[in-house]
Protein backbone atom coordinates (compact mmCIF):
# COMPACT_ATOMS: atom_id res chain seq x y z
CA UNK A 1 -33.91 3.78 -50.22
CA UNK A 2 -34.87 3.65 -46.55
CA UNK A 3 -32.46 4.45 -43.75
CA UNK A 4 -33.03 2.14 -40.78
CA UNK A 5 -32.60 2.79 -37.10
CA UNK A 6 -29.45 0.66 -36.94
CA UNK A 7 -27.86 2.85 -39.61
CA UNK A 8 -28.79 5.96 -37.64
CA UNK A 9 -27.44 4.40 -34.42
CA UNK A 10 -24.18 3.55 -36.16
CA UNK A 11 -23.89 7.08 -37.53
CA UNK A 12 -24.43 8.55 -34.07
CA UNK A 13 -21.83 6.18 -32.57
CA UNK A 14 -19.25 7.15 -35.19
CA UNK A 15 -19.99 10.85 -34.71
CA UNK A 16 -19.64 10.59 -30.93
CA UNK A 17 -16.38 8.63 -31.24
CA UNK A 18 -14.97 11.25 -33.63
CA UNK A 19 -16.02 14.13 -31.35
CA UNK A 20 -14.43 12.46 -28.32
CA UNK A 21 -11.29 11.71 -30.34
CA UNK A 22 -11.13 15.35 -31.36
CA UNK A 23 -11.55 16.53 -27.75
CA UNK A 24 -8.77 14.16 -26.62
CA UNK A 25 -6.59 15.28 -29.56
CA UNK A 26 -6.13 11.72 -30.82
CA UNK A 27 -4.04 11.73 -33.99
CA UNK A 28 -5.87 8.85 -35.72
CA UNK A 29 -9.61 9.12 -35.00
CA UNK A 30 -10.21 6.69 -37.87
CA UNK A 31 -9.52 3.76 -35.52
CA UNK A 32 -12.06 5.02 -32.98
CA UNK A 33 -14.69 5.23 -35.73
CA UNK A 34 -13.89 1.71 -36.94
CA UNK A 35 -14.11 0.40 -33.35
CA UNK A 36 -17.54 2.04 -33.01
CA UNK A 37 -18.70 0.33 -36.20
CA UNK A 38 -17.33 -3.07 -35.15
CA UNK A 39 -18.93 -2.84 -31.68
CA UNK A 40 -22.34 -1.95 -33.13
CA UNK A 41 -24.85 -4.75 -32.54
CA UNK A 42 -28.62 -5.11 -33.09
CA UNK A 43 -29.48 -4.08 -29.53
CA UNK A 44 -27.99 -1.50 -27.19
CA UNK A 45 -27.24 -4.11 -24.52
CA UNK A 46 -25.39 -6.27 -27.04
CA UNK A 47 -23.43 -3.21 -28.18
CA UNK A 48 -22.43 -2.47 -24.57
CA UNK A 49 -21.33 -6.09 -24.05
CA UNK A 50 -19.28 -6.05 -27.24
CA UNK A 51 -17.73 -2.71 -26.34
CA UNK A 52 -16.82 -3.80 -22.83
CA UNK A 53 -15.34 -7.06 -24.14
CA UNK A 54 -13.32 -5.08 -26.68
CA UNK A 55 -11.98 -2.71 -24.01
CA UNK A 56 -11.10 -5.57 -21.65
CA UNK A 57 -9.37 -7.46 -24.45
CA UNK A 58 -7.36 -4.39 -25.41
CA UNK A 59 -6.32 -3.68 -21.81
CA UNK A 60 -5.34 -7.29 -21.15
CA UNK A 61 -3.41 -7.44 -24.43
CA UNK A 62 -1.59 -4.20 -23.61
CA UNK A 63 -0.63 -5.47 -20.15
CA UNK A 64 0.62 -8.82 -21.47
CA UNK A 65 2.52 -7.04 -24.27
CA UNK A 66 4.13 -4.64 -21.79
CA UNK A 67 5.22 -7.56 -19.60
CA UNK A 68 6.75 -9.38 -22.57
CA UNK A 69 8.56 -6.25 -23.75
CA UNK A 70 9.86 -5.67 -20.22
CA UNK A 71 11.19 -9.24 -20.13
CA UNK A 72 12.92 -9.01 -23.49
CA UNK A 73 13.21 -5.46 -24.88
CA UNK A 74 13.70 -5.28 -28.62
CA UNK A 75 12.29 -8.76 -29.33
CA UNK A 76 9.67 -8.25 -32.05
CA UNK A 77 8.02 -11.63 -31.45
CA UNK A 78 7.39 -10.99 -27.77
CA UNK A 79 6.45 -7.36 -28.42
CA UNK A 80 3.81 -8.40 -30.92
């Protein structure tokens, strides 16, 4: 069995995400590791693009969710 460079790159990304999660005292570092795996692409530039898109999507979703919750607190449909 041969370990490829993409596997090594993914392992490094997961390790770095877990170390950063530990330093920030995040309770569920599992999600950071999964995000690192999902963002991993064949090239570094593609990985950066995917990561940036993921961060922007998360931030925009959080802002829209906060606005909806502020408009109607306790409404599970708007909160989701």
